[in-house]
């Protein structure tokens, strides 16, 4: 069995250390009369969106672009969990993970529950931002999503999974203790 193709995470969404597990997925939003895609990277430790990208195509380039926005040392990421989409299961992403020695975990085929934490974020993003704002161009949509992530989701929105703290407050408290 190819060890790169198994579900290592196995729905263990509660993580006790920063960058132990990072999950990713793509979702789509309508911009004007076209679909655009958003790729997100979430640290399961504090539910912070640590990387993101948006664009008109759903491919490995979009995933790679989101990976390149992560400010943390990528060698600290121990496990990268996604669904089995072709944008994640390809040579480009394999090489990036190998370069930084990041183990891979893939959801079981046809099982969205294996990636429930990021699917939950997609629902929040659409309910709290995308469905409330009419974006008629790509730059407007990208700015609205960036502001939602950076100004609201990571800094002000509390999360029950981390003790009703914001991702930023959770990180601040962890650094104070360390």
Protein backbone atom coordinates (compact mmCIF):
# COMPACT_ATOMS: atom_id res chain seq x y z
CA UNK A 1 0.00 0.00 0.00
CA UNK A 2 1.24 3.49 -0.86
CA UNK A 3 1.65 5.24 2.50
CA UNK A 4 1.06 8.64 0.88
CA UNK A 5 -2.52 7.63 0.09
CA UNK A 6 -3.83 6.77 3.55
CA UNK A 7 -5.86 8.78 6.06
CA UNK A 8 -3.26 9.39 8.78
CA UNK A 9 -5.31 12.15 10.45
CA UNK A 10 -8.31 9.85 10.94
CA UNK A 11 -10.55 12.73 12.15
CA UNK A 12 -8.25 13.68 15.04
CA UNK A 13 -9.08 17.38 14.59
CA UNK A 14 -8.03 18.52 18.08
CA UNK A 15 -4.31 19.20 18.03
CA UNK A 16 -2.25 20.41 20.97
CA UNK A 17 0.70 21.94 19.14
CA UNK A 18 1.02 24.58 16.44
CA UNK A 19 1.59 23.27 12.90
CA UNK A 20 1.24 19.62 13.90
CA UNK A 21 -1.56 19.23 11.34
CA UNK A 22 -2.51 21.58 8.56
CA UNK A 23 -5.62 20.84 6.51
CA UNK A 24 -6.54 22.25 3.14
CA UNK A 25 -9.38 22.27 0.67
CA UNK A 26 -10.85 24.36 -2.11
CA UNK A 27 -14.24 25.93 -2.43
CA UNK A 28 -15.89 27.97 -5.13
CA UNK A 29 -17.54 31.39 -5.15
CA UNK A 30 -19.38 33.22 -7.88
CA UNK A 31 -17.72 36.41 -9.04
CA UNK A 32 -19.82 38.22 -11.61
CA UNK A 33 -20.86 35.50 -14.01
CA UNK A 34 -17.93 33.15 -13.39
CA UNK A 35 -16.79 30.72 -10.73
CA UNK A 36 -13.60 31.42 -8.83
CA UNK A 37 -11.87 29.12 -6.40
CA UNK A 38 -10.39 29.66 -2.96
CA UNK A 39 -7.71 27.43 -1.48
CA UNK A 40 -7.23 27.58 2.28
CA UNK A 41 -4.72 26.14 4.73
CA UNK A 42 -5.92 25.78 8.34
CA UNK A 43 -3.74 24.95 11.34
CA UNK A 44 -5.84 22.56 13.44
CA UNK A 45 -4.11 23.71 16.62
CA UNK A 46 -5.92 27.06 16.76
CA UNK A 47 -8.09 26.94 13.60
CA UNK A 48 -6.16 29.85 12.12
CA UNK A 49 -6.18 30.31 8.36
CA UNK A 50 -2.42 30.35 7.79
CA UNK A 51 -2.43 30.41 3.99
CA UNK A 52 -4.87 31.18 1.21
CA UNK A 53 -5.15 31.96 -2.46
CA UNK A 54 -7.92 32.66 -4.94
CA UNK A 55 -8.13 32.33 -8.68
CA UNK A 56 -10.17 31.33 -11.70
CA UNK A 57 -8.79 27.78 -11.96
CA UNK A 58 -9.00 24.83 -9.60
CA UNK A 59 -5.56 23.31 -9.95
CA UNK A 60 -2.23 22.53 -8.27
CA UNK A 61 -1.03 26.06 -9.04
CA UNK A 62 -3.73 27.51 -6.78
CA UNK A 63 -2.75 25.11 -3.99
CA UNK A 64 0.94 25.90 -4.45
CA UNK A 65 0.16 29.62 -4.36
CA UNK A 66 -1.71 29.20 -1.05
CA UNK A 67 1.19 27.16 0.34
CA UNK A 68 3.58 29.97 -0.57
CA UNK A 69 1.57 32.46 1.54
CA UNK A 70 2.21 30.58 4.79
CA UNK A 71 4.48 32.75 6.93
CA UNK A 72 5.57 29.94 9.25
CA UNK A 73 8.57 27.73 8.61
CA UNK A 74 7.10 25.02 6.38
CA UNK A 75 9.50 22.45 7.85
CA UNK A 76 7.53 22.73 11.12
CA UNK A 77 4.39 21.31 9.50
CA UNK A 78 4.24 17.64 10.36
CA UNK A 79 1.11 16.49 8.52
CA UNK A 80 -0.82 17.91 5.57
CA UNK A 81 -4.38 16.56 5.24
CA UNK A 82 -6.68 17.04 2.24
CA UNK A 83 -9.33 15.31 0.22
CA UNK A 84 -8.33 13.26 -2.82
CA UNK A 85 -8.82 15.99 -5.43
CA UNK A 86 -6.37 16.13 -8.32
CA UNK A 87 -5.31 19.60 -7.27
CA UNK A 88 -3.76 17.99 -4.15
CA UNK A 89 -2.72 14.59 -5.51
CA UNK A 90 -0.12 15.50 -8.12
CA UNK A 91 3.60 15.84 -8.78
CA UNK A 92 3.78 19.58 -7.95
CA UNK A 93 2.31 19.18 -4.47
CA UNK A 94 4.18 15.90 -3.85
CA UNK A 95 7.47 17.66 -4.59
CA UNK A 96 6.62 20.60 -2.32
CA UNK A 97 5.73 18.26 0.55
CA UNK A 98 8.87 16.20 0.00
CA UNK A 99 11.03 19.35 -0.04
CA UNK A 100 9.78 20.36 3.40
CA UNK A 101 9.50 16.78 4.72
CA UNK A 102 5.77 17.07 5.36
CA UNK A 103 3.82 13.83 5.71
CA UNK A 104 0.61 13.55 3.70
CA UNK A 105 -2.82 12.38 4.79
CA UNK A 106 -5.74 11.94 2.41
CA UNK A 107 -9.41 11.57 3.28
CA UNK A 108 -11.05 8.29 2.47
CA UNK A 109 -12.59 8.36 -0.98
CA UNK A 110 -16.05 9.97 -0.95
CA UNK A 111 -15.97 10.83 2.77
CA UNK A 112 -16.35 14.57 3.45
CA UNK A 113 -16.41 13.96 7.21
CA UNK A 114 -12.67 13.29 7.06
CA UNK A 115 -12.17 16.97 6.23
CA UNK A 116 -15.09 18.33 8.27
CA UNK A 117 -13.14 21.11 9.98
CA UNK A 118 -12.33 22.88 6.73
CA UNK A 119 -15.74 22.14 5.24
CA UNK A 120 -17.12 23.96 8.29
CA UNK A 121 -14.95 26.96 7.48
CA UNK A 122 -16.30 27.00 3.91
CA UNK A 123 -19.84 27.13 5.28
CA UNK A 124 -18.91 30.03 7.59
CA UNK A 125 -17.17 31.91 4.81
CA UNK A 126 -20.15 31.63 2.51
CA UNK A 127 -22.75 32.38 5.19
CA UNK A 128 -20.87 35.24 6.88
CA UNK A 129 -19.24 36.88 3.84
CA UNK A 130 -19.69 35.57 0.31
CA UNK A 131 -23.49 35.38 0.34
CA UNK A 132 -23.74 38.88 1.84
CA UNK A 133 -21.43 40.70 -0.57
CA UNK A 134 -21.93 41.13 -4.30
CA UNK A 135 -18.53 41.00 -5.95
CA UNK A 136 -18.59 41.76 -9.63
CA UNK A 137 -14.88 41.46 -10.25
CA UNK A 138 -12.04 39.21 -9.19
CA UNK A 139 -10.07 41.91 -7.29
CA UNK A 140 -13.14 42.88 -5.24
CA UNK A 141 -13.80 39.26 -4.33
CA UNK A 142 -10.18 38.63 -3.42
CA UNK A 143 -10.09 41.71 -1.18
CA UNK A 144 -13.38 40.78 0.56
CA UNK A 145 -12.12 37.24 1.27
CA UNK A 146 -8.73 38.50 2.48
CA UNK A 147 -10.42 40.95 4.86
CA UNK A 148 -12.80 38.27 6.13
CA UNK A 149 -9.90 35.93 6.91
CA UNK A 150 -7.41 38.42 8.32
CA UNK A 151 -9.64 40.99 10.04
CA UNK A 152 -12.56 38.81 11.15
CA UNK A 153 -11.97 35.06 11.16
CA UNK A 154 -8.42 34.95 12.57
CA UNK A 155 -8.71 37.93 14.92
CA UNK A 156 -12.30 38.44 16.12
CA UNK A 157 -14.42 35.35 15.47
CA UNK A 158 -14.51 32.99 18.45
CA UNK A 159 -14.39 29.22 17.95
CA UNK A 160 -15.97 26.68 20.25
CA UNK A 161 -13.33 24.09 19.28
CA UNK A 162 -10.61 26.21 20.95
CA UNK A 163 -12.47 27.21 24.09
CA UNK A 164 -14.37 30.17 22.64
CA UNK A 165 -11.20 32.04 21.80
CA UNK A 166 -10.14 33.60 18.53
CA UNK A 167 -7.28 31.88 16.66
CA UNK A 168 -5.09 34.93 17.38
CA UNK A 169 -5.90 34.91 21.13
CA UNK A 170 -5.24 31.16 21.32
CA UNK A 171 -1.84 31.71 19.74
CA UNK A 172 -1.07 34.68 22.00
CA UNK A 173 -1.90 32.65 25.12
CA UNK A 174 0.21 29.72 23.96
CA UNK A 175 3.22 31.99 23.38
CA UNK A 176 2.76 33.59 26.81
CA UNK A 177 2.80 30.14 28.48
CA UNK A 178 5.81 28.87 26.48
